[in-house]
């Protein structure tokens, strides 16, 4: 039997060189995208943190954690949008189960 919905967790790192307005805009864009396609959305902004290793010669990033419940098709689309978004350095989506 196919899953109807599952719990997911996504962490993405934004380049702080975007500026405060750019970072806030990206967070709001992805938050609204997730809220439109999922339920039980919880957003935690961890803020600027030192990266474990440099990414494109950058040593800091703005971390955001979002947990949500959605159909299995949505995380694939979210991953695609995170990969092409200007200013997102890294992202990871994990299925936490039902």
PDB file of N, CA and C in Angstrom:
ATOM      1  N   UNK A   1       0.844  -1.185   0.000  1.00  0.00           N
ATOM      2  CA  UNK A   1       0.000   0.000   0.000  1.00  0.00           C
ATOM      3  C   UNK A   1       0.889   1.248   0.000  1.00  0.00           C
ATOM      4  N   UNK A   2       0.580   2.207  -0.822  1.00  0.00           N
ATOM      5  CA  UNK A   2       1.377   3.424  -0.962  1.00  0.00           C
ATOM      6  C   UNK A   2       1.155   4.359   0.225  1.00  0.00           C
ATOM      7  N   UNK A   3       2.218   5.082   0.568  1.00  0.00           N
ATOM      8  CA  UNK A   3       2.115   6.071   1.634  1.00  0.00           C
ATOM      9  C   UNK A   3       1.277   7.254   1.167  1.00  0.00           C
ATOM     10  N   UNK A   4       0.426   7.740   2.045  1.00  0.00           N
ATOM     11  CA  UNK A   4      -0.373   8.918   1.725  1.00  0.00           C
ATOM     12  C   UNK A   4       0.392  10.175   2.139  1.00  0.00           C
ATOM     13  N   UNK A   5       1.007  10.148   3.323  1.00  0.00           N
ATOM     14  CA  UNK A   5       1.825  11.274   3.761  1.00  0.00           C
ATOM     15  C   UNK A   5       2.871  10.773   4.747  1.00  0.00           C
ATOM     16  N   UNK A   6       3.923  11.557   4.902  1.00  0.00           N
ATOM     17  CA  UNK A   6       5.003  11.221   5.821  1.00  0.00           C
ATOM     18  C   UNK A   6       5.584  12.501   6.399  1.00  0.00           C
ATOM     19  N   UNK A   7       6.349  12.343   7.471  1.00  0.00           N
ATOM     20  CA  UNK A   7       7.007  13.481   8.109  1.00  0.00           C
ATOM     21  C   UNK A   7       8.379  13.681   7.482  1.00  0.00           C
ATOM     22  N   UNK A   8       8.706  14.921   7.179  1.00  0.00           N
ATOM     23  CA  UNK A   8       9.983  15.253   6.553  1.00  0.00           C
ATOM     24  C   UNK A   8      10.669  16.362   7.335  1.00  0.00           C
ATOM     25  N   UNK A   9      11.968  16.435   7.128  1.00  0.00           N
ATOM     26  CA  UNK A   9      12.782  17.469   7.743  1.00  0.00           C
ATOM     27  C   UNK A   9      13.740  17.959   6.666  1.00  0.00           C
ATOM     28  N   UNK A  10      13.831  19.256   6.477  1.00  0.00           N
ATOM     29  CA  UNK A  10      14.766  19.820   5.503  1.00  0.00           C
ATOM     30  C   UNK A  10      15.633  20.864   6.204  1.00  0.00           C
ATOM     31  N   UNK A  11      16.928  20.778   5.957  1.00  0.00           N
ATOM     32  CA  UNK A  11      17.873  21.782   6.440  1.00  0.00           C
ATOM     33  C   UNK A  11      18.511  22.389   5.200  1.00  0.00           C
ATOM     34  N   UNK A  12      18.505  23.714   5.120  1.00  0.00           N
ATOM     35  CA  UNK A  12      19.212  24.357   4.019  1.00  0.00           C
ATOM     36  C   UNK A  12      20.073  25.489   4.542  1.00  0.00           C
ATOM     37  N   UNK A  13      21.186  25.712   3.849  1.00  0.00           N
ATOM     38  CA  UNK A  13      22.178  26.707   4.242  1.00  0.00           C
ATOM     39  C   UNK A  13      22.185  27.794   3.176  1.00  0.00           C
ATOM     40  N   UNK A  14      21.967  29.020   3.619  1.00  0.00           N
ATOM     41  CA  UNK A  14      21.913  30.171   2.718  1.00  0.00           C
ATOM     42  C   UNK A  14      23.220  30.954   2.837  1.00  0.00           C
ATOM     43  N   UNK A  15      23.697  31.436   1.714  1.00  0.00           N
ATOM     44  CA  UNK A  15      24.910  32.258   1.674  1.00  0.00           C
ATOM     45  C   UNK A  15      24.615  33.596   2.361  1.00  0.00           C
ATOM     46  N   UNK A  16      25.316  33.920   3.465  1.00  0.00           N
ATOM     47  CA  UNK A  16      25.045  35.185   4.167  1.00  0.00           C
ATOM     48  C   UNK A  16      25.428  36.421   3.361  1.00  0.00           C
ATOM     49  N   UNK A  17      26.153  36.253   2.257  1.00  0.00           N
ATOM     50  CA  UNK A  17      26.504  37.396   1.406  1.00  0.00           C
ATOM     51  C   UNK A  17      25.269  37.966   0.711  1.00  0.00           C
ATOM     52  N   UNK A  18      24.141  37.265   0.789  1.00  0.00           N
ATOM     53  CA  UNK A  18      22.881  37.758   0.222  1.00  0.00           C
ATOM     54  C   UNK A  18      22.381  39.001   0.963  1.00  0.00           C
ATOM     55  N   UNK A  19      22.861  39.213   2.177  1.00  0.00           N
ATOM     56  CA  UNK A  19      22.391  40.320   2.999  1.00  0.00           C
ATOM     57  C   UNK A  19      21.177  39.896   3.797  1.00  0.00           C
ATOM     58  N   UNK A  20      20.822  40.682   4.799  1.00  0.00           N
ATOM     59  CA  UNK A  20      19.698  40.333   5.668  1.00  0.00           C
ATOM     60  C   UNK A  20      18.389  40.229   4.896  1.00  0.00           C
ATOM     61  N   UNK A  21      18.159  41.162   3.984  1.00  0.00           N
ATOM     62  CA  UNK A  21      16.911  41.149   3.210  1.00  0.00           C
ATOM     63  C   UNK A  21      16.861  39.949   2.267  1.00  0.00           C
ATOM     64  N   UNK A  22      17.987  39.619   1.647  1.00  0.00           N
ATOM     65  CA  UNK A  22      18.043  38.473   0.742  1.00  0.00           C
ATOM     66  C   UNK A  22      17.809  37.164   1.468  1.00  0.00           C
ATOM     67  N   UNK A  23      18.423  37.031   2.646  1.00  0.00           N
ATOM     68  CA  UNK A  23      18.253  35.813   3.446  1.00  0.00           C
ATOM     69  C   UNK A  23      16.795  35.698   3.900  1.00  0.00           C
ATOM     70  N   UNK A  24      16.240  36.788   4.414  1.00  0.00           N
ATOM     71  CA  UNK A  24      14.844  36.768   4.872  1.00  0.00           C
ATOM     72  C   UNK A  24      13.896  36.452   3.714  1.00  0.00           C
ATOM     73  N   UNK A  25      14.183  36.986   2.532  1.00  0.00           N
ATOM     74  CA  UNK A  25      13.350  36.717   1.366  1.00  0.00           C
ATOM     75  C   UNK A  25      13.374  35.247   0.977  1.00  0.00           C
ATOM     76  N   UNK A  26      14.572  34.634   0.969  1.00  0.00           N
ATOM     77  CA  UNK A  26      14.674  33.209   0.643  1.00  0.00           C
ATOM     78  C   UNK A  26      13.945  32.356   1.673  1.00  0.00           C
ATOM     79  N   UNK A  27      14.115  32.678   2.955  1.00  0.00           N
ATOM     80  CA  UNK A  27      13.432  31.917   4.010  1.00  0.00           C
ATOM     81  C   UNK A  27      11.923  32.021   3.835  1.00  0.00           C
ATOM     82  N   UNK A  28      11.421  33.228   3.580  1.00  0.00           N
ATOM     83  CA  UNK A  28       9.970  33.418   3.398  1.00  0.00           C
ATOM     84  C   UNK A  28       9.459  32.719   2.146  1.00  0.00           C
ATOM     85  N   UNK A  29      10.232  32.744   1.057  1.00  0.00           N
ATOM     86  CA  UNK A  29       9.810  32.066  -0.170  1.00  0.00           C
ATOM     87  C   UNK A  29       9.657  30.570   0.052  1.00  0.00           C
ATOM     88  N   UNK A  30      10.658  29.949   0.676  1.00  0.00           N
ATOM     89  CA  UNK A  30      10.585  28.502   0.890  1.00  0.00           C
ATOM     90  C   UNK A  30       9.558  28.145   1.957  1.00  0.00           C
ATOM     91  N   UNK A  31       9.396  29.014   2.960  1.00  0.00           N
ATOM     92  CA  UNK A  31       8.378  28.772   3.982  1.00  0.00           C
ATOM     93  C   UNK A  31       6.989  28.780   3.358  1.00  0.00           C
ATOM     94  N   UNK A  32       6.700  29.757   2.511  1.00  0.00           N
ATOM     95  CA  UNK A  32       5.377  29.827   1.881  1.00  0.00           C
ATOM     96  C   UNK A  32       5.171  28.667   0.901  1.00  0.00           C
ATOM     97  N   UNK A  33       6.217  28.265   0.175  1.00  0.00           N
ATOM     98  CA  UNK A  33       6.117  27.117  -0.728  1.00  0.00           C
ATOM     99  C   UNK A  33       5.770  25.852   0.048  1.00  0.00           C
ATOM    100  N   UNK A  34       6.442  25.643   1.178  1.00  0.00           N
ATOM    101  CA  UNK A  34       6.180  24.455   1.986  1.00  0.00           C
ATOM    102  C   UNK A  34       4.787  24.511   2.602  1.00  0.00           C
ATOM    103  N   UNK A  35       4.367  25.679   3.099  1.00  0.00           N
ATOM    104  CA  UNK A  35       3.035  25.806   3.698  1.00  0.00           C
ATOM    105  C   UNK A  35       1.927  25.559   2.690  1.00  0.00           C
ATOM    106  N   UNK A  36       2.146  25.884   1.410  1.00  0.00           N
ATOM    107  CA  UNK A  36       1.142  25.650   0.372  1.00  0.00           C
ATOM    108  C   UNK A  36       0.980  24.175   0.051  1.00  0.00           C
ATOM    109  N   UNK A  37       2.058  23.389   0.207  1.00  0.00           N
ATOM    110  CA  UNK A  37       2.054  21.991  -0.218  1.00  0.00           C
ATOM    111  C   UNK A  37       2.125  20.986   0.920  1.00  0.00           C
ATOM    112  N   UNK A  38       2.208  21.442   2.159  1.00  0.00           N
ATOM    113  CA  UNK A  38       2.367  20.531   3.289  1.00  0.00           C
ATOM    114  C   UNK A  38       1.588  21.043   4.495  1.00  0.00           C
ATOM    115  N   UNK A  39       1.554  20.221   5.534  1.00  0.00           N
ATOM    116  CA  UNK A  39       0.891  20.625   6.776  1.00  0.00           C
ATOM    117  C   UNK A  39       1.870  20.457   7.935  1.00  0.00           C
ATOM    118  N   UNK A  40       1.466  20.897   9.116  1.00  0.00           N
ATOM    119  CA  UNK A  40       2.297  20.809  10.331  1.00  0.00           C
ATOM    120  C   UNK A  40       3.689  21.393  10.101  1.00  0.00           C
ATOM    121  N   UNK A  41       3.753  22.574   9.521  1.00  0.00           N
ATOM    122  CA  UNK A  41       5.033  23.204   9.176  1.00  0.00           C
ATOM    123  C   UNK A  41       5.599  23.928  10.398  1.00  0.00           C
ATOM    124  N   UNK A  42       6.842  23.602  10.740  1.00  0.00           N
ATOM    125  CA  UNK A  42       7.554  24.267  11.831  1.00  0.00           C
ATOM    126  C   UNK A  42       8.896  24.747  11.276  1.00  0.00           C
ATOM    127  N   UNK A  43       9.161  26.059  11.380  1.00  0.00           N
ATOM    128  CA  UNK A  43      10.392  26.645  10.855  1.00  0.00           C
ATOM    129  C   UNK A  43      11.269  27.090  12.026  1.00  0.00           C
ATOM    130  N   UNK A  44      12.511  26.626  12.033  1.00  0.00           N
ATOM    131  CA  UNK A  44      13.494  27.054  13.030  1.00  0.00           C
ATOM    132  C   UNK A  44      14.664  27.690  12.294  1.00  0.00           C
ATOM    133  N   UNK A  45      14.898  28.962  12.548  1.00  0.00           N
ATOM    134  CA  UNK A  45      16.038  29.644  11.944  1.00  0.00           C
ATOM    135  C   UNK A  45      17.188  29.599  12.941  1.00  0.00           C
ATOM    136  N   UNK A  46      18.237  28.862  12.598  1.00  0.00           N
ATOM    137  CA  UNK A  46      19.394  28.719  13.475  1.00  0.00           C
ATOM    138  C   UNK A  46      20.350  29.878  13.335  1.00  0.00           C
ATOM    139  N   UNK A  47      20.247  30.648  12.281  1.00  0.00           N
ATOM    140  CA  UNK A  47      21.087  31.815  12.093  1.00  0.00           C
ATOM    141  C   UNK A  47      22.451  31.491  11.500  1.00  0.00           C
ATOM    142  N   UNK A  48      23.366  32.463  11.571  1.00  0.00           N
ATOM    143  CA  UNK A  48      24.715  32.287  11.012  1.00  0.00           C
ATOM    144  C   UNK A  48      25.529  31.348  11.883  1.00  0.00           C
ATOM    145  N   UNK A  49      26.133  30.366  11.223  1.00  0.00           N
ATOM    146  CA  UNK A  49      27.007  29.414  11.905  1.00  0.00           C
ATOM    147  C   UNK A  49      28.211  29.120  11.031  1.00  0.00           C
ATOM    148  N   UNK A  50      29.268  28.712  11.679  1.00  0.00           N
ATOM    149  CA  UNK A  50      30.484  28.339  10.961  1.00  0.00           C
ATOM    150  C   UNK A  50      30.259  26.991  10.291  1.00  0.00           C
ATOM    151  N   UNK A  51      30.672  26.886   9.029  1.00  0.00           N
ATOM    152  CA  UNK A  51      30.541  25.636   8.288  1.00  0.00           C
ATOM    153  C   UNK A  51      31.628  24.651   8.723  1.00  0.00           C
ATOM    154  N   UNK A  52      31.344  23.355   8.623  1.00  0.00           N
ATOM    155  CA  UNK A  52      32.328  22.330   8.968  1.00  0.00           C
ATOM    156  C   UNK A  52      33.495  22.353   7.993  1.00  0.00           C
ATOM    157  N   UNK A  53      33.226  22.723   6.749  1.00  0.00           N
ATOM    158  CA  UNK A  53      34.262  22.841   5.728  1.00  0.00           C
ATOM    159  C   UNK A  53      33.843  23.948   4.769  1.00  0.00           C
ATOM    160  N   UNK A  54      34.802  24.605   4.121  1.00  0.00           N
ATOM    161  CA  UNK A  54      34.454  25.707   3.220  1.00  0.00           C
ATOM    162  C   UNK A  54      33.649  25.223   2.002  1.00  0.00           C
ATOM    163  N   UNK A  55      32.666  26.011   1.621  1.00  0.00           N
ATOM    164  CA  UNK A  55      31.878  25.775   0.408  1.00  0.00           C
ATOM    165  C   UNK A  55      32.073  27.003  -0.467  1.00  0.00           C
ATOM    166  N   UNK A  56      32.663  26.815  -1.639  1.00  0.00           N
ATOM    167  CA  UNK A  56      32.986  27.935  -2.538  1.00  0.00           C
ATOM    168  C   UNK A  56      33.766  29.029  -1.809  1.00  0.00           C
ATOM    169  N   UNK A  57      34.725  28.620  -0.998  1.00  0.00           N
ATOM    170  CA  UNK A  57      35.606  29.510  -0.240  1.00  0.00           C
ATOM    171  C   UNK A  57      34.872  30.309   0.838  1.00  0.00           C
ATOM    172  N   UNK A  58      33.666  29.912   1.200  1.00  0.00           N
ATOM    173  CA  UNK A  58      32.904  30.588   2.257  1.00  0.00           C
ATOM    174  C   UNK A  58      32.947  29.712   3.508  1.00  0.00           C
ATOM    175  N   UNK A  59      33.094  30.341   4.671  1.00  0.00           N
ATOM    176  CA  UNK A  59      33.229  29.588   5.918  1.00  0.00           C
ATOM    177  C   UNK A  59      32.018  29.719   6.839  1.00  0.00           C
ATOM    178  N   UNK A  60      31.034  30.549   6.465  1.00  0.00           N
ATOM    179  CA  UNK A  60      29.825  30.707   7.269  1.00  0.00           C
ATOM    180  C   UNK A  60      28.595  30.563   6.404  1.00  0.00           C
ATOM    181  N   UNK A  61      27.488  30.163   7.049  1.00  0.00           N
ATOM    182  CA  UNK A  61      26.227  30.044   6.347  1.00  0.00           C
ATOM    183  C   UNK A  61      25.066  30.294   7.295  1.00  0.00           C
ATOM    184  N   UNK A  62      23.917  30.652   6.743  1.00  0.00           N
ATOM    185  CA  UNK A  62      22.702  30.887   7.527  1.00  0.00           C
ATOM    186  C   UNK A  62      21.854  29.615   7.452  1.00  0.00           C
ATOM    187  N   UNK A  63      21.699  28.932   8.594  1.00  0.00           N
ATOM    188  CA  UNK A  63      21.018  27.646   8.645  1.00  0.00           C
ATOM    189  C   UNK A  63      19.527  27.798   8.945  1.00  0.00           C
ATOM    190  N   UNK A  64      18.705  27.006   8.243  1.00  0.00           N
ATOM    191  CA  UNK A  64      17.255  26.984   8.466  1.00  0.00           C
ATOM    192  C   UNK A  64      16.805  25.524   8.501  1.00  0.00           C
ATOM    193  N   UNK A  65      16.031  25.151   9.533  1.00  0.00           N
ATOM    194  CA  UNK A  65      15.469  23.811   9.657  1.00  0.00           C
ATOM    195  C   UNK A  65      13.956  23.924   9.546  1.00  0.00           C
ATOM    196  N   UNK A  66      13.352  23.106   8.674  1.00  0.00           N
ATOM    197  CA  UNK A  66      11.899  23.095   8.509  1.00  0.00           C
ATOM    198  C   UNK A  66      11.424  21.652   8.622  1.00  0.00           C
ATOM    199  N   UNK A  67      10.440  21.402   9.495  1.00  0.00           N
ATOM    200  CA  UNK A  67       9.808  20.093   9.569  1.00  0.00           C
ATOM    201  C   UNK A  67       8.387  20.224   9.047  1.00  0.00           C
ATOM    202  N   UNK A  68       7.911  19.195   8.332  1.00  0.00           N
ATOM    203  CA  UNK A  68       6.573  19.254   7.748  1.00  0.00           C
ATOM    204  C   UNK A  68       6.073  17.852   7.431  1.00  0.00           C
ATOM    205  N   UNK A  69       4.781  17.752   7.150  1.00  0.00           N
ATOM    206  CA  UNK A  69       4.142  16.512   6.729  1.00  0.00           C
ATOM    207  C   UNK A  69       3.570  16.736   5.340  1.00  0.00           C
ATOM    208  N   UNK A  70       3.886  15.824   4.406  1.00  0.00           N
ATOM    209  CA  UNK A  70       3.381  15.994   3.042  1.00  0.00           C
ATOM    210  C   UNK A  70       3.342  14.659   2.320  1.00  0.00           C
ATOM    211  N   UNK A  71       2.780  14.699   1.125  1.00  0.00           N
ATOM    212  CA  UNK A  71       2.799  13.537   0.234  1.00  0.00           C
ATOM    213  C   UNK A  71       4.225  13.326  -0.251  1.00  0.00           C
ATOM    214  N   UNK A  72       4.585  12.101  -0.645  1.00  0.00           N
ATOM    215  CA  UNK A  72       5.968  11.821  -1.054  1.00  0.00           C
ATOM    216  C   UNK A  72       6.432  12.552  -2.313  1.00  0.00           C
ATOM    217  N   UNK A  73       5.536  13.087  -3.108  1.00  0.00           N
ATOM    218  CA  UNK A  73       5.928  13.775  -4.336  1.00  0.00           C
ATOM    219  C   UNK A  73       6.514  15.160  -4.056  1.00  0.00           C
ATOM    220  N   UNK A  74       6.045  15.825  -3.007  1.00  0.00           N
ATOM    221  CA  UNK A  74       6.459  17.204  -2.759  1.00  0.00           C
ATOM    222  C   UNK A  74       7.950  17.353  -2.436  1.00  0.00           C
ATOM    223  N   UNK A  75       8.559  16.501  -1.598  1.00  0.00           N
ATOM    224  CA  UNK A  75       9.993  16.695  -1.319  1.00  0.00           C
ATOM    225  C   UNK A  75      10.879  16.656  -2.560  1.00  0.00           C
ATOM    226  N   UNK A  76      10.506  15.895  -3.566  1.00  0.00           N
ATOM    227  CA  UNK A  76      11.297  15.883  -4.810  1.00  0.00           C
ATOM    228  C   UNK A  76      11.265  17.258  -5.476  1.00  0.00           C
ATOM    229  N   UNK A  77      10.090  17.859  -5.512  1.00  0.00           N
ATOM    230  CA  UNK A  77       9.947  19.187  -6.114  1.00  0.00           C
ATOM    231  C   UNK A  77      10.680  20.241  -5.273  1.00  0.00           C
ATOM    232  N   UNK A  78      10.570  20.137  -3.952  1.00  0.00           N
ATOM    233  CA  UNK A  78      11.267  21.064  -3.056  1.00  0.00           C
ATOM    234  C   UNK A  78      12.781  20.957  -3.253  1.00  0.00           C
ATOM    235  N   UNK A  79      13.298  19.741  -3.362  1.00  0.00           N
ATOM    236  CA  UNK A  79      14.730  19.526  -3.580  1.00  0.00           C
ATOM    237  C   UNK A  79      15.170  20.165  -4.891  1.00  0.00           C
ATOM    238  N   UNK A  80      14.365  20.014  -5.925  1.00  0.00           N
ATOM    239  CA  UNK A  80      14.687  20.611  -7.228  1.00  0.00           C
ATOM    240  C   UNK A  80      14.779  22.130  -7.111  1.00  0.00           C
ATOM    241  N   UNK A  81      13.821  22.732  -6.409  1.00  0.00           N
ATOM    242  CA  UNK A  81      13.817  24.195  -6.274  1.00  0.00           C
ATOM    243  C   UNK A  81      14.967  24.690  -5.402  1.00  0.00           C
ATOM    244  N   UNK A  82      15.315  23.924  -4.368  1.00  0.00           N
ATOM    245  CA  UNK A  82      16.442  24.308  -3.522  1.00  0.00           C
ATOM    246  C   UNK A  82      17.754  24.255  -4.298  1.00  0.00           C
ATOM    247  N   UNK A  83      17.889  23.281  -5.200  1.00  0.00           N
ATOM    248  CA  UNK A  83      19.123  23.140  -5.977  1.00  0.00           C
ATOM    249  C   UNK A  83      19.326  24.285  -6.962  1.00  0.00           C
ATOM    250  N   UNK A  84      18.232  24.826  -7.516  1.00  0.00           N
ATOM    251  CA  UNK A  84      18.376  25.878  -8.522  1.00  0.00           C
ATOM    252  C   UNK A  84      18.267  27.287  -7.943  1.00  0.00           C
ATOM    253  N   UNK A  85      17.914  27.392  -6.651  1.00  0.00           N
ATOM    254  CA  UNK A  85      17.749  28.712  -6.031  1.00  0.00           C
ATOM    255  C   UNK A  85      19.097  29.396  -5.863  1.00  0.00           C
ATOM    256  N   UNK A  86      19.161  30.630  -6.282  1.00  0.00           N
ATOM    257  CA  UNK A  86      20.369  31.435  -6.130  1.00  0.00           C
ATOM    258  C   UNK A  86      20.515  31.788  -4.651  1.00  0.00           C
ATOM    259  N   UNK A  87      21.668  31.470  -4.079  1.00  0.00           N
ATOM    260  CA  UNK A  87      21.918  31.814  -2.684  1.00  0.00           C
ATOM    261  C   UNK A  87      21.834  30.636  -1.729  1.00  0.00           C
ATOM    262  N   UNK A  88      21.268  29.505  -2.151  1.00  0.00           N
ATOM    263  CA  UNK A  88      21.224  28.319  -1.297  1.00  0.00           C
ATOM    264  C   UNK A  88      22.498  27.518  -1.562  1.00  0.00           C
ATOM    265  N   UNK A  89      23.306  27.363  -0.514  1.00  0.00           N
ATOM    266  CA  UNK A  89      24.594  26.698  -0.670  1.00  0.00           C
ATOM    267  C   UNK A  89      24.472  25.175  -0.602  1.00  0.00           C
ATOM    268  N   UNK A  90      23.681  24.666   0.328  1.00  0.00           N
ATOM    269  CA  UNK A  90      23.477  23.231   0.500  1.00  0.00           C
ATOM    270  C   UNK A  90      22.084  23.005   1.060  1.00  0.00           C
ATOM    271  N   UNK A  91      21.549  21.802   0.812  1.00  0.00           N
ATOM    272  CA  UNK A  91      20.264  21.418   1.413  1.00  0.00           C
ATOM    273  C   UNK A  91      20.223  19.908   1.572  1.00  0.00           C
ATOM    274  N   UNK A  92      19.414  19.460   2.526  1.00  0.00           N
ATOM    275  CA  UNK A  92      19.239  18.033   2.758  1.00  0.00           C
ATOM    276  C   UNK A  92      17.815  17.803   3.235  1.00  0.00           C
ATOM    277  N   UNK A  93      17.111  16.873   2.577  1.00  0.00           N
ATOM    278  CA  UNK A  93      15.757  16.514   2.985  1.00  0.00           C
ATOM    279  C   UNK A  93      15.788  15.072   3.485  1.00  0.00           C
ATOM    280  N   UNK A  94      15.209  14.850   4.666  1.00  0.00           N
ATOM    281  CA  UNK A  94      15.197  13.533   5.281  1.00  0.00           C
ATOM    282  C   UNK A  94      13.763  13.156   5.616  1.00  0.00           C
ATOM    283  N   UNK A  95      13.387  11.910   5.307  1.00  0.00           N
ATOM    284  CA  UNK A  95      12.074  11.385   5.679  1.00  0.00           C
ATOM    285  C   UNK A  95      12.203  10.798   7.083  1.00  0.00           C
ATOM    286  N   UNK A  96      11.399  11.305   8.033  1.00  0.00           N
ATOM    287  CA  UNK A  96      11.456  10.838   9.409  1.00  0.00           C
ATOM    288  C   UNK A  96      10.464   9.701   9.663  1.00  0.00           C
ATOM    289  N   UNK A  97       9.706   9.295   8.660  1.00  0.00           N
ATOM    290  CA  UNK A  97       8.736   8.215   8.833  1.00  0.00           C
ATOM    291  C   UNK A  97       7.321   8.739   8.846  1.00  0.00           C
ATOM    292  N   UNK A  98       6.419   7.881   9.287  1.00  0.00           N
ATOM    293  CA  UNK A  98       4.988   8.256   9.298  1.00  0.00           C
ATOM    294  C   UNK A  98       4.588   8.924  10.560  1.00  0.00           C
TER     295      UNK A  98
END
